[in-house]
Amino acid sequence: MNITEQMAFAKRNTVEIVTETELKDTLSKKRHPVCYCGYETSGAVHLGHAVTITKLMDLEKAGFKVKVLFADWHTWLNRKGDWDFIHKTTKIWERSFKSMGLKNAEFVLGSTFQRKMSYIDDLLSMSLDTTINRALRSMQGIARDIEHAHVSQVIYPFMQIEDIKALKVDVAVGGIEQRKIHMMGRELAPVLNYGPFTCIHTPLIPSLQGPGGKMSSSKPETMISVADSDEAIKKKIKKAYCSEGIVKDNPVLSIAKLLVFPRIEVLEIKRPEKFGGTVQFENYESLENAFVNKKLHPLDLKNKIADEISTIFEPVRRHFKK
């Protein structure tokens, strides 16, 4: 695979890359550069996690060595469970990620290296160069109840930055909500005597409830997870916001773009002849064009995407039935 093809996989379905020049330089100099994404292991694996899992699969195709950090310390510091719950969930998540296609990744538990003295020394060094307000701003969009933040939630971003150094990461991957921490990390990299790392940010799937809504694992009706049955997935997608001809804030189109098309070559939607007959789409752009021009009805799109989500999550459910 040449550098152009590698960059195409790396750039697919991203909001931004900071910076593309650095990324291209890394790919040209290293045979297997390292990328990583960190996850708080709370609740069930859901659509939001599937977006970054899919991005990591893209990067694996581009020649990256993928590391997945299950951030047990971060989960605890962000007040999302006790240690027993967190570690039970972590084991489930690793099996879920592998079942969804991330079979060659290296899975790392944060607490296995985050207690080292060198790690602690770096956290304290970064704290000397950062105001409390700056650290809190970096957690906006991630922490619960940021207006009443605990000291643990100020430590959190420093740990995330140090993880990048500890794991010898070239490229940090995350949803766009991670941007503020990543940008602070790029600023503090010289303090850690660590070279600049590239950031790849993926978009967030809009709320199933439509504009103004928010996906939340604490609200099952707003989120589709691997724990949902085929019937539950169909019910949630059927109720999802998908206004005819409208792309903005459309979660069904977003799922098609970010999760479905990276996994298939052709999306076939079967319809009765009186409604236009069976239609095939070889890429997301053609699907969006048909939807915008009202040549594809929202219900037909919803039915197909519900089936595709079930197909993506089925290997996980099958694994846990064994």
C-alpha atoms as a PDB file:
ATOM      1  CA  MET A   1       0.000   0.000   0.000  1.00  0.00           C
ATOM      2  CA  ASN A   2       1.422   3.391  -0.993  1.00  0.00           C
ATOM      3  CA  ILE A   3       1.345   6.551   1.109  1.00  0.00           C
ATOM      4  CA  THR A   4      -1.667   7.951  -0.772  1.00  0.00           C
ATOM      5  CA  GLU A   5      -3.728   4.849   0.020  1.00  0.00           C
ATOM      6  CA  GLN A   6      -2.573   4.909   3.645  1.00  0.00           C
ATOM      7  CA  MET A   7      -3.602   8.544   4.016  1.00  0.00           C
ATOM      8  CA  ALA A   8      -6.996   7.810   2.446  1.00  0.00           C
ATOM      9  CA  PHE A   9      -7.742   5.173   5.091  1.00  0.00           C
ATOM     10  CA  ALA A  10      -6.443   7.433   7.862  1.00  0.00           C
ATOM     11  CA  LYS A  11      -8.521  10.433   6.751  1.00  0.00           C
ATOM     12  CA  ARG A  12     -11.771   8.591   6.069  1.00  0.00           C
ATOM     13  CA  ASN A  13     -14.696   9.803   8.209  1.00  0.00           C
ATOM     14  CA  THR A  14     -12.691  12.208  10.351  1.00  0.00           C
ATOM     15  CA  VAL A  15     -13.593  15.686  11.573  1.00  0.00           C
ATOM     16  CA  GLU A  16      -9.976  16.821  11.624  1.00  0.00           C
ATOM     17  CA  ILE A  17      -6.377  15.657  11.716  1.00  0.00           C
ATOM     18  CA  VAL A  18      -3.865  17.718  13.682  1.00  0.00           C
ATOM     19  CA  THR A  19      -1.849  17.761  11.538  1.00  0.00           C
ATOM     20  CA  GLU A  20      -2.036  15.989   8.167  1.00  0.00           C
ATOM     21  CA  THR A  21       1.558  16.968   7.433  1.00  0.00           C
ATOM     22  CA  GLU A  22       2.747  15.245  10.620  1.00  0.00           C
ATOM     23  CA  LEU A  23       0.664  12.167   9.845  1.00  0.00           C
ATOM     24  CA  LYS A  24       2.077  11.838   6.349  1.00  0.00           C
ATOM     25  CA  ASP A  25       5.587  12.318   7.695  1.00  0.00           C
ATOM     26  CA  THR A  26       5.055   9.589  10.296  1.00  0.00           C
ATOM     27  CA  LEU A  27       3.742   7.140   7.706  1.00  0.00           C
ATOM     28  CA  SER A  28       6.681   7.838   5.408  1.00  0.00           C
ATOM     29  CA  LYS A  29       9.281   7.281   8.145  1.00  0.00           C
ATOM     30  CA  LYS A  30       7.845   4.401  10.183  1.00  0.00           C
ATOM     31  CA  ARG A  31       6.806   0.992   8.924  1.00  0.00           C
ATOM     32  CA  HIS A  32       4.317   0.379  11.740  1.00  0.00           C
ATOM     33  CA  PRO A  33       3.647   3.588  13.683  1.00  0.00           C
ATOM     34  CA  VAL A  34       1.541   3.323  16.824  1.00  0.00           C
ATOM     35  CA  CYS A  35      -1.975   4.693  17.192  1.00  0.00           C
ATOM     36  CA  TYR A  36      -4.175   4.387  20.241  1.00  0.00           C
ATOM     37  CA  CYS A  37      -7.601   5.178  21.606  1.00  0.00           C
ATOM     38  CA  GLY A  38      -8.559   5.143  25.276  1.00  0.00           C
ATOM     39  CA  TYR A  39     -11.916   4.104  26.686  1.00  0.00           C
ATOM     40  CA  GLU A  40     -13.618   4.469  30.032  1.00  0.00           C
ATOM     41  CA  THR A  41     -15.046   1.023  30.667  1.00  0.00           C
ATOM     42  CA  SER A  42     -18.476   1.879  32.000  1.00  0.00           C
ATOM     43  CA  GLY A  43     -21.740   0.455  30.716  1.00  0.00           C
ATOM     44  CA  ALA A  44     -22.217  -1.481  27.487  1.00  0.00           C
ATOM     45  CA  VAL A  45     -20.289  -0.986  24.243  1.00  0.00           C
ATOM     46  CA  HIS A  46     -22.481   1.155  21.997  1.00  0.00           C
ATOM     47  CA  LEU A  47     -22.655   2.983  18.664  1.00  0.00           C
ATOM     48  CA  GLY A  48     -20.362   5.769  19.831  1.00  0.00           C
ATOM     49  CA  HIS A  49     -17.604   3.285  20.647  1.00  0.00           C
ATOM     50  CA  ALA A  50     -18.195   1.563  17.313  1.00  0.00           C
ATOM     51  CA  VAL A  51     -17.205   4.788  15.514  1.00  0.00           C
ATOM     52  CA  THR A  52     -13.694   4.845  16.998  1.00  0.00           C
ATOM     53  CA  ILE A  53     -13.374   1.056  16.708  1.00  0.00           C
ATOM     54  CA  THR A  54     -14.099   1.447  12.988  1.00  0.00           C
ATOM     55  CA  LYS A  55     -11.492   4.224  12.750  1.00  0.00           C
ATOM     56  CA  LEU A  56      -8.909   2.018  14.455  1.00  0.00           C
ATOM     57  CA  MET A  57      -9.698  -0.704  11.905  1.00  0.00           C
ATOM     58  CA  ASP A  58      -9.038   1.863   9.145  1.00  0.00           C
ATOM     59  CA  LEU A  59      -5.680   2.715  10.694  1.00  0.00           C
ATOM     60  CA  GLU A  60      -4.819  -0.964  11.029  1.00  0.00           C
ATOM     61  CA  LYS A  61      -5.380  -1.279   7.272  1.00  0.00           C
ATOM     62  CA  ALA A  62      -3.107   1.752   6.793  1.00  0.00           C
ATOM     63  CA  GLY A  63      -0.257  -0.077   8.536  1.00  0.00           C
ATOM     64  CA  PHE A  64      -0.572   1.148  12.109  1.00  0.00           C
ATOM     65  CA  LYS A  65      -0.028  -0.945  15.210  1.00  0.00           C
ATOM     66  CA  VAL A  66      -3.206  -0.368  17.209  1.00  0.00           C
ATOM     67  CA  LYS A  67      -3.238  -0.073  20.982  1.00  0.00           C
ATOM     68  CA  VAL A  68      -6.502   0.065  22.910  1.00  0.00           C
ATOM     69  CA  LEU A  69      -6.288   1.508  26.406  1.00  0.00           C
ATOM     70  CA  PHE A  70      -8.939   0.389  28.831  1.00  0.00           C
ATOM     71  CA  ALA A  71      -8.600   3.289  31.230  1.00  0.00           C
ATOM     72  CA  ASP A  72      -9.672   1.808  34.541  1.00  0.00           C
ATOM     73  CA  TRP A  73      -8.068   4.583  36.592  1.00  0.00           C
ATOM     74  CA  HIS A  74      -9.730   7.235  34.412  1.00  0.00           C
ATOM     75  CA  THR A  75     -13.111   5.530  34.755  1.00  0.00           C
ATOM     76  CA  TRP A  76     -12.777   5.516  38.533  1.00  0.00           C
ATOM     77  CA  LEU A  77     -11.543   9.137  38.679  1.00  0.00           C
ATOM     78  CA  ASN A  78     -14.487  10.226  36.526  1.00  0.00           C
ATOM     79  CA  ARG A  79     -16.788   8.607  39.102  1.00  0.00           C
ATOM     80  CA  LYS A  80     -18.269   5.971  36.801  1.00  0.00           C
ATOM     81  CA  GLY A  81     -18.027   2.860  38.957  1.00  0.00           C
ATOM     82  CA  ASP A  82     -16.140   0.986  41.648  1.00  0.00           C
ATOM     83  CA  TRP A  83     -13.119  -1.196  40.917  1.00  0.00           C
ATOM     84  CA  ASP A  84     -15.011  -4.477  40.851  1.00  0.00           C
ATOM     85  CA  PHE A  85     -17.534  -3.145  38.320  1.00  0.00           C
ATOM     86  CA  ILE A  86     -14.824  -1.510  36.194  1.00  0.00           C
ATOM     87  CA  HIS A  87     -12.651  -4.608  35.878  1.00  0.00           C
ATOM     88  CA  LYS A  88     -15.566  -6.933  35.155  1.00  0.00           C
ATOM     89  CA  THR A  89     -16.662  -4.530  32.424  1.00  0.00           C
ATOM     90  CA  THR A  90     -13.141  -4.310  30.999  1.00  0.00           C
ATOM     91  CA  LYS A  91     -13.045  -8.058  30.327  1.00  0.00           C
ATOM     92  CA  ILE A  92     -16.382  -7.852  28.525  1.00  0.00           C
ATOM     93  CA  TRP A  93     -15.195  -4.895  26.452  1.00  0.00           C
ATOM     94  CA  GLU A  94     -12.068  -6.631  25.213  1.00  0.00           C
ATOM     95  CA  ARG A  95     -14.092  -9.584  23.957  1.00  0.00           C
ATOM     96  CA  SER A  96     -16.615  -7.187  22.400  1.00  0.00           C
ATOM     97  CA  PHE A  97     -13.943  -5.202  20.538  1.00  0.00           C
ATOM     98  CA  LYS A  98     -12.372  -8.360  19.151  1.00  0.00           C
ATOM     99  CA  SER A  99     -15.763  -9.697  18.058  1.00  0.00           C
ATOM    100  CA  MET A 100     -16.439  -6.428  16.195  1.00  0.00           C
ATOM    101  CA  GLY A 101     -13.293  -6.881  14.104  1.00  0.00           C
ATOM    102  CA  LEU A 102     -10.400  -5.410  16.106  1.00  0.00           C
ATOM    103  CA  LYS A 103      -8.633  -8.752  16.462  1.00  0.00           C
ATOM    104  CA  ASN A 104      -4.975  -7.690  16.118  1.00  0.00           C
ATOM    105  CA  ALA A 105      -4.945  -4.794  18.556  1.00  0.00           C
ATOM    106  CA  GLU A 106      -2.929  -4.733  21.763  1.00  0.00           C
ATOM    107  CA  PHE A 107      -5.266  -4.237  24.720  1.00  0.00           C
ATOM    108  CA  VAL A 108      -3.701  -2.445  27.685  1.00  0.00           C
ATOM    109  CA  LEU A 109      -5.113  -1.900  31.168  1.00  0.00           C
ATOM    110  CA  GLY A 110      -4.223   1.550  32.442  1.00  0.00           C
ATOM    111  CA  SER A 111      -3.418   0.555  36.018  1.00  0.00           C
ATOM    112  CA  THR A 112      -0.678  -1.802  34.793  1.00  0.00           C
ATOM    113  CA  PHE A 113       1.619   1.150  34.076  1.00  0.00           C
ATOM    114  CA  GLN A 114       0.038   4.232  35.651  1.00  0.00           C
ATOM    115  CA  ARG A 115       1.482   3.547  39.116  1.00  0.00           C
ATOM    116  CA  LYS A 116       5.110   3.894  38.013  1.00  0.00           C
ATOM    117  CA  MET A 117       7.133   6.697  39.606  1.00  0.00           C
ATOM    118  CA  SER A 118       8.150   8.118  36.213  1.00  0.00           C
ATOM    119  CA  TYR A 119       4.451   8.392  35.328  1.00  0.00           C
ATOM    120  CA  ILE A 120       3.690  10.266  38.570  1.00  0.00           C
ATOM    121  CA  ASP A 121       6.686  12.559  38.070  1.00  0.00           C
ATOM    122  CA  ASP A 122       5.374  13.592  34.642  1.00  0.00           C
ATOM    123  CA  LEU A 123       1.887  14.299  36.033  1.00  0.00           C
ATOM    124  CA  LEU A 124       3.353  16.640  38.626  1.00  0.00           C
ATOM    125  CA  SER A 125       5.577  18.343  36.040  1.00  0.00           C
ATOM    126  CA  MET A 126       2.566  19.069  33.823  1.00  0.00           C
ATOM    127  CA  SER A 127       0.593  20.390  36.794  1.00  0.00           C
ATOM    128  CA  LEU A 128       3.265  23.052  37.358  1.00  0.00           C
ATOM    129  CA  ASP A 129       2.630  24.468  33.887  1.00  0.00           C
ATOM    130  CA  THR A 130      -1.186  24.347  33.867  1.00  0.00           C
ATOM    131  CA  THR A 131      -3.838  26.450  35.590  1.00  0.00           C
ATOM    132  CA  ILE A 132      -6.845  24.816  37.216  1.00  0.00           C
ATOM    133  CA  ASN A 133      -9.149  26.611  34.767  1.00  0.00           C
ATOM    134  CA  ARG A 134      -7.178  25.282  31.797  1.00  0.00           C
ATOM    135  CA  ALA A 135      -7.372  21.712  33.100  1.00  0.00           C
ATOM    136  CA  LEU A 136     -11.102  22.027  33.783  1.00  0.00           C
ATOM    137  CA  ARG A 137     -11.798  23.461  30.319  1.00  0.00           C
ATOM    138  CA  SER A 138     -10.098  20.451  28.775  1.00  0.00           C
ATOM    139  CA  MET A 139     -12.658  18.201  30.485  1.00  0.00           C
ATOM    140  CA  GLN A 140     -15.723  19.963  29.072  1.00  0.00           C
ATOM    141  CA  GLY A 141     -17.816  17.472  27.156  1.00  0.00           C
ATOM    142  CA  ILE A 142     -16.262  14.518  28.975  1.00  0.00           C
ATOM    143  CA  ALA A 143     -16.763  14.950  32.717  1.00  0.00           C
ATOM    144  CA  ARG A 144     -20.057  14.653  34.505  1.00  0.00           C
ATOM    145  CA  ASP A 145     -21.250  17.736  36.372  1.00  0.00           C
ATOM    146  CA  ILE A 146     -18.222  19.850  35.450  1.00  0.00           C
ATOM    147  CA  GLU A 147     -19.701  22.797  37.361  1.00  0.00           C
ATOM    148  CA  HIS A 148     -19.088  20.843  40.569  1.00  0.00           C
ATOM    149  CA  ALA A 149     -15.858  19.142  39.493  1.00  0.00           C
ATOM    150  CA  HIS A 150     -13.739  17.161  41.923  1.00  0.00           C
ATOM    151  CA  VAL A 151      -9.948  17.337  42.092  1.00  0.00           C
ATOM    152  CA  SER A 152      -9.834  13.893  40.443  1.00  0.00           C
ATOM    153  CA  GLN A 153     -11.285  15.447  37.288  1.00  0.00           C
ATOM    154  CA  VAL A 154      -8.335  17.848  37.082  1.00  0.00           C
ATOM    155  CA  ILE A 155      -5.865  14.958  37.353  1.00  0.00           C
ATOM    156  CA  TYR A 156      -7.705  13.076  34.599  1.00  0.00           C
ATOM    157  CA  PRO A 157      -6.465  15.087  31.561  1.00  0.00           C
ATOM    158  CA  PHE A 158      -2.842  14.942  32.733  1.00  0.00           C
ATOM    159  CA  MET A 159      -3.109  11.160  32.925  1.00  0.00           C
ATOM    160  CA  GLN A 160      -4.571  10.978  29.427  1.00  0.00           C
ATOM    161  CA  ILE A 161      -1.661  13.021  28.091  1.00  0.00           C
ATOM    162  CA  GLU A 162       0.916  10.938  29.947  1.00  0.00           C
ATOM    163  CA  ASP A 163      -0.718   7.749  28.600  1.00  0.00           C
ATOM    164  CA  ILE A 164       0.289   8.871  25.119  1.00  0.00           C
ATOM    165  CA  LYS A 165       3.936   9.064  26.165  1.00  0.00           C
ATOM    166  CA  ALA A 166       3.839   5.846  28.202  1.00  0.00           C
ATOM    167  CA  LEU A 167       2.360   3.875  25.300  1.00  0.00           C
ATOM    168  CA  LYS A 168       4.841   5.422  22.825  1.00  0.00           C
ATOM    169  CA  VAL A 169       2.000   6.722  20.672  1.00  0.00           C
ATOM    170  CA  ASP A 170       2.471   8.467  17.320  1.00  0.00           C
ATOM    171  CA  VAL A 171      -1.234   9.119  16.691  1.00  0.00           C
ATOM    172  CA  ALA A 172      -3.960   9.661  19.302  1.00  0.00           C
ATOM    173  CA  VAL A 173      -7.479   8.794  18.145  1.00  0.00           C
ATOM    174  CA  GLY A 174     -10.705   9.978  19.761  1.00  0.00           C
ATOM    175  CA  GLY A 175     -14.091  11.508  19.240  1.00  0.00           C
ATOM    176  CA  ILE A 176     -14.156  15.261  18.700  1.00  0.00           C
ATOM    177  CA  GLU A 177     -15.085  15.674  22.387  1.00  0.00           C
ATOM    178  CA  GLN A 178     -11.475  14.694  23.173  1.00  0.00           C
ATOM    179  CA  ARG A 179     -10.043  17.636  21.257  1.00  0.00           C
ATOM    180  CA  LYS A 180      -9.435  19.963  24.205  1.00  0.00           C
ATOM    181  CA  ILE A 181      -7.414  17.376  26.105  1.00  0.00           C
ATOM    182  CA  HIS A 182      -5.424  16.465  23.001  1.00  0.00           C
ATOM    183  CA  MET A 183      -4.628  20.092  22.243  1.00  0.00           C
ATOM    184  CA  MET A 184      -3.464  20.647  25.807  1.00  0.00           C
ATOM    185  CA  GLY A 185      -1.339  17.536  25.393  1.00  0.00           C
ATOM    186  CA  ARG A 186       0.330  18.890  22.286  1.00  0.00           C
ATOM    187  CA  GLU A 187       1.143  22.075  24.198  1.00  0.00           C
ATOM    188  CA  LEU A 188       2.578  20.138  27.155  1.00  0.00           C
ATOM    189  CA  ALA A 189       4.539  17.581  25.105  1.00  0.00           C
ATOM    190  CA  PRO A 190       7.817  19.541  25.517  1.00  0.00           C
ATOM    191  CA  VAL A 191       7.395  19.354  29.306  1.00  0.00           C
ATOM    192  CA  LEU A 192       7.393  15.569  28.945  1.00  0.00           C
ATOM    193  CA  ASN A 193      10.337  15.623  26.545  1.00  0.00           C
ATOM    194  CA  TYR A 194       8.112  13.812  24.077  1.00  0.00           C
ATOM    195  CA  GLY A 195       7.868  14.527  20.378  1.00  0.00           C
ATOM    196  CA  PRO A 196       4.647  15.948  18.916  1.00  0.00           C
ATOM    197  CA  PHE A 197       1.868  13.402  18.489  1.00  0.00           C
ATOM    198  CA  THR A 198      -0.766  13.640  15.785  1.00  0.00           C
ATOM    199  CA  CYS A 199      -4.466  13.748  16.678  1.00  0.00           C
ATOM    200  CA  ILE A 200      -7.254  12.148  14.657  1.00  0.00           C
ATOM    201  CA  HIS A 201     -10.760  13.152  15.695  1.00  0.00           C
ATOM    202  CA  THR A 202     -13.906  11.358  14.612  1.00  0.00           C
ATOM    203  CA  PRO A 203     -17.412  12.861  14.470  1.00  0.00           C
ATOM    204  CA  LEU A 204     -20.134  12.054  16.974  1.00  0.00           C
ATOM    205  CA  ILE A 205     -23.310  10.312  15.859  1.00  0.00           C
ATOM    206  CA  PRO A 206     -26.221  12.747  16.370  1.00  0.00           C
ATOM    207  CA  SER A 207     -28.830  11.879  18.955  1.00  0.00           C
ATOM    208  CA  LEU A 208     -31.530   9.439  17.896  1.00  0.00           C
ATOM    209  CA  GLN A 209     -33.970  11.957  19.351  1.00  0.00           C
ATOM    210  CA  GLY A 210     -32.965  14.648  16.874  1.00  0.00           C
ATOM    211  CA  PRO A 211     -31.611  18.189  17.248  1.00  0.00           C
ATOM    212  CA  GLY A 212     -31.149  19.198  20.862  1.00  0.00           C
ATOM    213  CA  GLY A 213     -31.039  15.614  22.110  1.00  0.00           C
ATOM    214  CA  LYS A 214     -27.992  13.832  23.435  1.00  0.00           C
ATOM    215  CA  MET A 215     -26.873  10.225  23.313  1.00  0.00           C
ATOM    216  CA  SER A 216     -26.282   8.894  26.804  1.00  0.00           C
ATOM    217  CA  SER A 217     -25.505   5.409  28.068  1.00  0.00           C
ATOM    218  CA  SER A 218     -27.535   6.332  31.152  1.00  0.00           C
ATOM    219  CA  LYS A 219     -30.608   6.766  28.924  1.00  0.00           C
ATOM    220  CA  PRO A 220     -31.103   3.476  27.024  1.00  0.00           C
ATOM    221  CA  GLU A 221     -33.762   4.964  24.740  1.00  0.00           C
ATOM    222  CA  THR A 222     -31.170   7.366  23.247  1.00  0.00           C
ATOM    223  CA  MET A 223     -28.445   4.777  22.676  1.00  0.00           C
ATOM    224  CA  ILE A 224     -28.046   1.535  20.728  1.00  0.00           C
ATOM    225  CA  SER A 225     -25.696  -0.942  22.362  1.00  0.00           C
ATOM    226  CA  VAL A 226     -24.411  -4.463  21.729  1.00  0.00           C
ATOM    227  CA  ALA A 227     -26.800  -5.593  24.460  1.00  0.00           C
ATOM    228  CA  ASP A 228     -29.841  -4.608  22.377  1.00  0.00           C
ATOM    229  CA  SER A 229     -31.795  -7.308  20.544  1.00  0.00           C
ATOM    230  CA  ASP A 230     -32.599  -7.055  16.843  1.00  0.00           C
ATOM    231  CA  GLU A 231     -36.139  -6.077  17.804  1.00  0.00           C
ATOM    232  CA  ALA A 232     -34.918  -3.341  20.158  1.00  0.00           C
ATOM    233  CA  ILE A 233     -32.576  -1.959  17.492  1.00  0.00           C
ATOM    234  CA  LYS A 234     -35.381  -1.841  14.921  1.00  0.00           C
ATOM    235  CA  LYS A 235     -37.682  -0.129  17.407  1.00  0.00           C
ATOM    236  CA  LYS A 236     -35.107   2.543  18.294  1.00  0.00           C
ATOM    237  CA  ILE A 237     -34.169   3.215  14.661  1.00  0.00           C
ATOM    238  CA  LYS A 238     -37.826   3.362  13.645  1.00  0.00           C
ATOM    239  CA  LYS A 239     -38.340   6.139  16.214  1.00  0.00           C
ATOM    240  CA  ALA A 240     -35.085   7.913  15.309  1.00  0.00           C
ATOM    241  CA  TYR A 241     -35.051  11.393  13.833  1.00  0.00           C
ATOM    242  CA  CYS A 242     -34.743  11.083  10.042  1.00  0.00           C
ATOM    243  CA  SER A 243     -36.601  13.949   8.407  1.00  0.00           C
ATOM    244  CA  GLU A 244     -37.146  13.387   4.685  1.00  0.00           C
ATOM    245  CA  GLY A 245     -34.397  14.949   2.562  1.00  0.00           C
ATOM    246  CA  ILE A 246     -32.547  16.410   5.584  1.00  0.00           C
ATOM    247  CA  VAL A 247     -28.906  15.464   6.259  1.00  0.00           C
ATOM    248  CA  LYS A 248     -28.106  17.757   9.200  1.00  0.00           C
ATOM    249  CA  ASP A 249     -28.405  16.068  12.614  1.00  0.00           C
ATOM    250  CA  ASN A 250     -29.623  12.869  10.929  1.00  0.00           C
ATOM    251  CA  PRO A 251     -28.384   9.918  13.040  1.00  0.00           C
ATOM    252  CA  VAL A 252     -29.506   7.275  10.535  1.00  0.00           C
ATOM    253  CA  LEU A 253     -27.418   8.755   7.717  1.00  0.00           C
ATOM    254  CA  SER A 254     -24.541   9.250  10.142  1.00  0.00           C
ATOM    255  CA  ILE A 255     -24.603   5.574  11.101  1.00  0.00           C
ATOM    256  CA  ALA A 256     -24.618   4.625   7.427  1.00  0.00           C
ATOM    257  CA  LYS A 257     -21.576   6.797   6.766  1.00  0.00           C
ATOM    258  CA  LEU A 258     -19.475   6.076   9.843  1.00  0.00           C
ATOM    259  CA  LEU A 259     -20.253   2.425  10.534  1.00  0.00           C
ATOM    260  CA  VAL A 260     -21.935   0.692   7.604  1.00  0.00           C
ATOM    261  CA  PHE A 261     -20.088   1.752   4.450  1.00  0.00           C
ATOM    262  CA  PRO A 262     -16.590   1.164   5.892  1.00  0.00           C
ATOM    263  CA  ARG A 263     -17.624  -2.500   6.295  1.00  0.00           C
ATOM    264  CA  ILE A 264     -19.385  -3.219   3.002  1.00  0.00           C
ATOM    265  CA  GLU A 265     -18.895  -2.785  -0.731  1.00  0.00           C
ATOM    266  CA  VAL A 266     -22.538  -2.313  -1.727  1.00  0.00           C
ATOM    267  CA  LEU A 267     -25.608  -1.318   0.290  1.00  0.00           C
ATOM    268  CA  GLU A 268     -28.681  -2.937  -1.219  1.00  0.00           C
ATOM    269  CA  ILE A 269     -32.123  -1.723  -0.208  1.00  0.00           C
ATOM    270  CA  LYS A 270     -34.984  -3.913  -1.327  1.00  0.00           C
ATOM    271  CA  ARG A 271     -38.285  -2.204  -2.110  1.00  0.00           C
ATOM    272  CA  PRO A 272     -41.496  -3.237  -3.906  1.00  0.00           C
ATOM    273  CA  GLU A 273     -41.557  -2.224  -7.579  1.00  0.00           C
ATOM    274  CA  LYS A 274     -44.336   0.286  -6.888  1.00  0.00           C
ATOM    275  CA  PHE A 275     -41.910   2.143  -4.612  1.00  0.00           C
ATOM    276  CA  GLY A 276     -39.007   2.089  -7.059  1.00  0.00           C
ATOM    277  CA  GLY A 277     -37.760  -1.475  -6.708  1.00  0.00           C
ATOM    278  CA  THR A 278     -34.443  -2.658  -5.301  1.00  0.00           C
ATOM    279  CA  VAL A 279     -31.690  -0.047  -5.327  1.00  0.00           C
ATOM    280  CA  GLN A 280     -27.946  -0.353  -4.703  1.00  0.00           C
ATOM    281  CA  PHE A 281     -25.444   2.182  -3.410  1.00  0.00           C
ATOM    282  CA  GLU A 282     -21.693   1.680  -3.782  1.00  0.00           C
ATOM    283  CA  ASN A 283     -20.739   4.568  -1.503  1.00  0.00           C
ATOM    284  CA  TYR A 284     -22.217   6.894   1.088  1.00  0.00           C
ATOM    285  CA  GLU A 285     -22.262   9.902  -1.252  1.00  0.00           C
ATOM    286  CA  SER A 286     -24.676   8.188  -3.630  1.00  0.00           C
ATOM    287  CA  LEU A 287     -26.918   7.190  -0.723  1.00  0.00           C
ATOM    288  CA  GLU A 288     -26.998  10.729   0.639  1.00  0.00           C
ATOM    289  CA  ASN A 289     -27.736  12.142  -2.814  1.00  0.00           C
ATOM    290  CA  ALA A 290     -30.718   9.808  -3.246  1.00  0.00           C
ATOM    291  CA  PHE A 291     -32.018  10.728   0.207  1.00  0.00           C
ATOM    292  CA  VAL A 292     -31.615  14.477  -0.317  1.00  0.00           C
ATOM    293  CA  ASN A 293     -33.437  14.263  -3.648  1.00  0.00           C
ATOM    294  CA  LYS A 294     -36.207  12.255  -1.960  1.00  0.00           C
ATOM    295  CA  LYS A 295     -35.592   9.191  -4.085  1.00  0.00           C
ATOM    296  CA  LEU A 296     -35.118   7.156  -0.911  1.00  0.00           C
ATOM    297  CA  HIS A 297     -37.811   7.190   1.760  1.00  0.00           C
ATOM    298  CA  PRO A 298     -36.730   7.503   5.426  1.00  0.00           C
ATOM    299  CA  LEU A 299     -38.540   4.290   6.377  1.00  0.00           C
ATOM    300  CA  ASP A 300     -36.697   2.260   3.724  1.00  0.00           C
ATOM    301  CA  LEU A 301     -33.405   3.724   4.928  1.00  0.00           C
ATOM    302  CA  LYS A 302     -34.255   3.047   8.570  1.00  0.00           C
ATOM    303  CA  ASN A 303     -35.196  -0.579   7.954  1.00  0.00           C
ATOM    304  CA  LYS A 304     -31.937  -1.276   6.136  1.00  0.00           C
ATOM    305  CA  ILE A 305     -29.689   0.528   8.622  1.00  0.00           C
ATOM    306  CA  ALA A 306     -31.354  -1.301  11.519  1.00  0.00           C
ATOM    307  CA  ASP A 307     -30.478  -4.590   9.807  1.00  0.00           C
ATOM    308  CA  GLU A 308     -26.885  -3.444   9.252  1.00  0.00           C
ATOM    309  CA  ILE A 309     -26.444  -2.440  12.898  1.00  0.00           C
ATOM    310  CA  SER A 310     -27.677  -5.879  13.939  1.00  0.00           C
ATOM    311  CA  THR A 311     -25.149  -7.449  11.569  1.00  0.00           C
ATOM    312  CA  ILE A 312     -22.287  -5.406  13.070  1.00  0.00           C
ATOM    313  CA  PHE A 313     -23.263  -6.284  16.650  1.00  0.00           C
ATOM    314  CA  GLU A 314     -24.273  -9.910  16.021  1.00  0.00           C
ATOM    315  CA  PRO A 315     -20.724 -11.357  16.384  1.00  0.00           C
ATOM    316  CA  VAL A 316     -20.556  -9.819  19.869  1.00  0.00           C
ATOM    317  CA  ARG A 317     -23.899 -11.261  20.927  1.00  0.00           C
ATOM    318  CA  ARG A 318     -23.013 -14.638  19.400  1.00  0.00           C
ATOM    319  CA  HIS A 319     -19.718 -14.681  21.322  1.00  0.00           C
ATOM    320  CA  PHE A 320     -21.450 -14.168  24.665  1.00  0.00           C
ATOM    321  CA  LYS A 321     -24.023 -16.873  23.937  1.00  0.00           C
ATOM    322  CA  LYS A 322     -21.260 -19.509  23.800  1.00  0.00           C
END
